C-alpha atoms as a PDB file:
ATOM      1  CA  MET A   1     137.167 -62.264  38.864  1.00  0.00           C
ATOM      2  CA  ARG A   2     135.046 -60.096  36.212  1.00  0.00           C
ATOM      3  CA  GLN A   3     137.570 -60.882  34.064  1.00  0.00           C
ATOM      4  CA  HIS A   4     137.664 -63.932  34.679  1.00  0.00           C
ATOM      5  CA  TYR A   5     134.479 -64.602  34.748  1.00  0.00           C
ATOM      6  CA  HIS A   6     134.570 -63.201  30.823  1.00  0.00           C
ATOM      7  CA  GLU A   7     137.204 -65.837  30.035  1.00  0.00           C
ATOM      8  CA  GLU A   8     135.139 -68.702  31.066  1.00  0.00           C
ATOM      9  CA  THR A   9     132.575 -67.456  29.367  1.00  0.00           C
ATOM     10  CA  ASP A  10     134.092 -66.831  26.433  1.00  0.00           C
ATOM     11  CA  HIS A  11     135.660 -70.138  26.137  1.00  0.00           C
ATOM     12  CA  LYS A  12     131.738 -71.971  26.612  1.00  0.00           C
ATOM     13  CA  LEU A  13     130.485 -70.047  23.794  1.00  0.00           C
ATOM     14  CA  SER A  14     133.283 -70.906  21.142  1.00  0.00           C
ATOM     15  CA  GLU A  15     132.640 -74.257  22.153  1.00  0.00           C
ATOM     16  CA  THR A  16     129.154 -73.888  21.753  1.00  0.00           C
ATOM     17  CA  SER A  17     128.757 -71.762  18.687  1.00  0.00           C
ATOM     18  CA  GLN A  18     131.979 -73.816  16.634  1.00  0.00           C
ATOM     19  CA  LEU A  19     128.673 -76.667  17.147  1.00  0.00           C
ATOM     20  CA  ASN A  20     125.771 -74.141  16.147  1.00  0.00           C
ATOM     21  CA  PRO A  21     127.432 -70.629  14.653  1.00  0.00           C
ATOM     22  CA  LEU A  22     123.846 -69.599  14.506  1.00  0.00           C
ATOM     23  CA  SER A  23     123.085 -70.009  17.989  1.00  0.00           C
ATOM     24  CA  GLN A  24     124.195 -66.902  20.163  1.00  0.00           C
ATOM     25  CA  PRO A  25     127.137 -64.521  19.362  1.00  0.00           C
ATOM     26  CA  SER A  26     129.942 -64.313  21.644  1.00  0.00           C
ATOM     27  CA  ALA A  27     130.326 -62.832  24.818  1.00  0.00           C
ATOM     28  CA  GLY A  28     132.528 -59.612  23.313  1.00  0.00           C
ATOM     29  CA  THR A  29     129.877 -59.211  20.265  1.00  0.00           C
ATOM     30  CA  ARG A  30     127.534 -59.220  23.193  1.00  0.00           C
ATOM     31  CA  ARG A  31     129.663 -56.385  25.488  1.00  0.00           C
ATOM     32  CA  ARG A  32     130.460 -54.593  22.551  1.00  0.00           C
ATOM     33  CA  SER A  33     125.705 -54.178  21.616  1.00  0.00           C
ATOM     34  CA  VAL A  34     125.927 -53.479  25.387  1.00  0.00           C
ATOM     35  CA  ARG A  35     128.368 -50.365  24.840  1.00  0.00           C
ATOM     36  CA  LYS A  36     126.885 -49.305  21.631  1.00  0.00           C
ATOM     37  CA  ARG A  37     122.753 -49.380  23.150  1.00  0.00           C
ATOM     38  CA  ARG A  38     124.073 -47.242  25.895  1.00  0.00           C
ATOM     39  CA  THR A  39     126.151 -45.206  22.768  1.00  0.00           C
ATOM     40  CA  PHE A  40     123.031 -45.269  20.800  1.00  0.00           C
ATOM     41  CA  SER A  41     121.000 -44.061  24.255  1.00  0.00           C
ATOM     42  CA  LEU A  42     123.067 -41.101  24.652  1.00  0.00           C
ATOM     43  CA  GLY A  43     123.070 -40.306  21.121  1.00  0.00           C
ATOM     44  CA  LYS A  44     119.643 -40.161  20.865  1.00  0.00           C
ATOM     45  CA  LEU A  45     119.345 -38.198  23.343  1.00  0.00           C
ATOM     46  CA  CYS A  46     121.792 -35.871  22.063  1.00  0.00           C
ATOM     47  CA  ILE A  47     119.901 -36.050  18.574  1.00  0.00           C
ATOM     48  CA  VAL A  48     116.609 -35.477  20.013  1.00  0.00           C
ATOM     49  CA  SER A  49     117.935 -32.801  22.466  1.00  0.00           C
ATOM     50  CA  VAL A  50     119.635 -31.009  18.652  1.00  0.00           C
ATOM     51  CA  ILE A  51     116.055 -31.246  16.864  1.00  0.00           C
ATOM     52  CA  GLY A  52     114.564 -29.260  20.126  1.00  0.00           C
ATOM     53  CA  PHE A  53     117.138 -26.652  19.802  1.00  0.00           C
ATOM     54  CA  CYS A  54     116.343 -26.244  16.340  1.00  0.00           C
ATOM     55  CA  CYS A  55     112.830 -26.876  16.654  1.00  0.00           C
ATOM     56  CA  LEU A  56     112.695 -24.009  19.399  1.00  0.00           C
ATOM     57  CA  GLN A  57     115.086 -21.546  17.034  1.00  0.00           C
ATOM     58  CA  PHE A  58     113.245 -21.694  14.661  1.00  0.00           C
ATOM     59  CA  GLY A  59     109.858 -21.173  15.884  1.00  0.00           C
ATOM     60  CA  LYS A  60     111.374 -17.804  17.105  1.00  0.00           C
ATOM     61  CA  GLN A  61     112.282 -17.011  14.265  1.00  0.00           C
ATOM     62  CA  PHE A  62     108.943 -17.770  12.482  1.00  0.00           C
ATOM     63  CA  VAL A  63     107.339 -15.421  15.351  1.00  0.00           C
ATOM     64  CA  GLN A  64     110.424 -12.488  14.659  1.00  0.00           C
ATOM     65  CA  PHE A  65     109.473 -13.457  11.254  1.00  0.00           C
ATOM     66  CA  GLN A  66     105.202 -12.443  11.521  1.00  0.00           C
ATOM     67  CA  GLN A  67     106.170  -9.614  13.417  1.00  0.00           C
ATOM     68  CA  ILE A  68     107.621  -8.379  11.050  1.00  0.00           C
ATOM     69  CA  GLN A  69     105.235  -9.144   8.690  1.00  0.00           C
ATOM     70  CA  ALA A  70     102.727  -7.144  10.281  1.00  0.00           C
ATOM     71  CA  GLU A  71     105.005  -4.180  10.532  1.00  0.00           C
ATOM     72  CA  VAL A  72     106.010  -4.427   7.212  1.00  0.00           C
ATOM     73  CA  ALA A  73     102.003  -4.110   6.080  1.00  0.00           C
ATOM     74  CA  TYR A  74     101.166  -1.468   8.816  1.00  0.00           C
ATOM     75  CA  PHE A  75     103.872   0.832   7.295  1.00  0.00           C
ATOM     76  CA  GLU A  76     102.768  -0.183   3.869  1.00  0.00           C
ATOM     77  CA  GLN A  77      98.753   1.143   4.471  1.00  0.00           C
ATOM     78  CA  VAL A  78     100.105   4.001   6.548  1.00  0.00           C
ATOM     79  CA  LYS A  79     102.341   4.805   2.902  1.00  0.00           C
ATOM     80  CA  GLN A  80      99.731   4.821   0.939  1.00  0.00           C
ATOM     81  CA  ASP A  81      97.518   7.083   3.235  1.00  0.00           C
ATOM     82  CA  LYS A  82     100.597   9.490   2.967  1.00  0.00           C
ATOM     83  CA  LEU A  83     100.331   9.125  -1.111  1.00  0.00           C
ATOM     84  CA  ASP A  84      96.618   9.947  -1.230  1.00  0.00           C
ATOM     85  CA  ARG A  85      96.589  12.611   1.446  1.00  0.00           C
ATOM     86  CA  GLN A  86      99.577  14.204  -1.057  1.00  0.00           C
ATOM     87  CA  LYS A  87      97.551  13.733  -4.236  1.00  0.00           C
ATOM     88  CA  GLU A  88      94.691  15.306  -2.525  1.00  0.00           C
ATOM     89  CA  LEU A  89      96.728  18.640  -1.607  1.00  0.00           C
ATOM     90  CA  GLU A  90      98.135  18.171  -5.101  1.00  0.00           C
ATOM     91  CA  GLU A  91      94.158  18.510  -6.573  1.00  0.00           C
ATOM     92  CA  THR A  92      93.850  21.679  -3.820  1.00  0.00           C
ATOM     93  CA  LYS A  93      97.115  23.199  -4.449  1.00  0.00           C
ATOM     94  CA  ALA A  94      96.262  23.563  -8.609  1.00  0.00           C
ATOM     95  CA  LEU A  95      92.759  24.950  -7.492  1.00  0.00           C
ATOM     96  CA  LEU A  96      94.431  27.919  -5.534  1.00  0.00           C
ATOM     97  CA  ASP A  97      96.381  28.635  -8.956  1.00  0.00           C
ATOM     98  CA  ASP A  98      93.182  29.178 -10.382  1.00  0.00           C
ATOM     99  CA  PRO A  99      91.977  32.254 -11.311  1.00  0.00           C
ATOM    100  CA  SER A 100      88.338  31.780 -11.336  1.00  0.00           C
ATOM    101  CA  TYR A 101      88.405  29.463  -7.930  1.00  0.00           C
ATOM    102  CA  ILE A 102      90.148  31.954  -6.309  1.00  0.00           C
ATOM    103  CA  GLU A 103      87.712  34.392  -7.676  1.00  0.00           C
ATOM    104  CA  ARG A 104      84.543  33.021  -7.166  1.00  0.00           C
ATOM    105  CA  VAL A 105      85.614  32.404  -3.224  1.00  0.00           C
ATOM    106  CA  ALA A 106      86.321  36.367  -2.834  1.00  0.00           C
ATOM    107  CA  ARG A 107      83.107  36.825  -4.073  1.00  0.00           C
ATOM    108  CA  GLU A 108      81.064  33.767  -2.277  1.00  0.00           C
ATOM    109  CA  HIS A 109      82.884  34.005   1.205  1.00  0.00           C
ATOM    110  CA  LEU A 110      84.445  37.014   1.643  1.00  0.00           C
ATOM    111  CA  GLY A 111      81.960  39.480   0.201  1.00  0.00           C
ATOM    112  CA  PHE A 112      84.379  41.316  -2.361  1.00  0.00           C
ATOM    113  CA  VAL A 113      83.089  42.627  -5.509  1.00  0.00           C
ATOM    114  CA  TYR A 114      84.118  44.827  -8.441  1.00  0.00           C
ATOM    115  CA  ASP A 115      84.093  48.560  -9.161  1.00  0.00           C
ATOM    116  CA  GLY A 116      80.685  49.583  -9.398  1.00  0.00           C
ATOM    117  CA  GLU A 117      78.955  45.790  -8.654  1.00  0.00           C
ATOM    118  CA  THR A 118      75.947  46.057  -5.323  1.00  0.00           C
ATOM    119  CA  LEU A 119      76.585  43.036  -3.127  1.00  0.00           C
ATOM    120  CA  VAL A 120      73.319  42.082  -2.199  1.00  0.00           C
ATOM    121  CA  LEU A 121      72.488  39.737   0.356  1.00  0.00           C
ATOM    122  CA  PRO A 122      70.080  37.234   1.031  1.00  0.00           C
ATOM    123  CA  GLY A 123      68.179  38.030   3.812  1.00  0.00           C
ATOM    124  CA  GLU A 124      66.910  35.842   6.634  1.00  0.00           C
ATOM    125  CA  THR A 125      63.231  35.073   6.733  1.00  0.00           C
ATOM    126  CA  VAL A 126      61.867  34.301  10.153  1.00  0.00           C
ATOM    127  CA  ASP A 127      58.846  32.273  10.093  1.00  0.00           C
ATOM    128  CA  ASP A 128      56.768  34.806  12.653  1.00  0.00           C
ATOM    129  CA  ASP A 129      57.182  38.082  10.072  1.00  0.00           C
ATOM    130  CA  ILE A 130      55.398  35.774   7.305  1.00  0.00           C
ATOM    131  CA  PRO A 131      51.806  36.496   7.778  1.00  0.00           C
ATOM    132  CA  GLU A 132      49.408  33.878   5.983  1.00  0.00           C
ATOM    133  CA  TYR A 133      47.615  33.848   3.067  1.00  0.00           C
ATOM    134  CA  ASN A 134      44.918  35.741   3.207  1.00  0.00           C
ATOM    135  CA  PRO A 135      42.996  36.311  -0.779  1.00  0.00           C
ATOM    136  CA  ASN A 136      41.082  39.836   0.485  1.00  0.00           C
ATOM    137  CA  ILE A 137      44.310  41.068   0.406  1.00  0.00           C
ATOM    138  CA  LYS A 138      45.278  44.025  -2.434  1.00  0.00           C
ATOM    139  CA  ALA A 139      48.761  44.635  -3.501  1.00  0.00           C
ATOM    140  CA  GLY A 140      47.904  48.382  -2.509  1.00  0.00           C
ATOM    141  CA  ASP A 141      47.355  47.270   1.102  1.00  0.00           C
ATOM    142  CA  LEU A 142      50.788  45.656   1.614  1.00  0.00           C
ATOM    143  CA  HIS A 143      53.160  48.452   2.492  1.00  0.00           C
END
């Protein structure tokens, strides 16, 4: 029945299209356009799905890239800190190789003296032991 309907419709439309070629497209053309719409809708869905998937993948890769960039910046800072520390240690090593620096440290911190020298250390003063100034006391009165 359906087949018969389309044949009748095609026949009627072909008669009207002979009269006015710009009027309506034939039924066969109409059926193709319906199919194109379905295919086009399915195609749109596929395209949107692929674009969405690509956007998600790009987003994931962008986040990973940002994390890697942060790690690179962190490790570059760590490297710079280590290089600064290495430079400080090399300077300290150079000081420790200097005989005059070693002598000064031995004298000031360890109390070493050369033969014939006497070590004199500054004494500690306590505020209670210092008498107040009295102009009437003469130098001979102090013991």
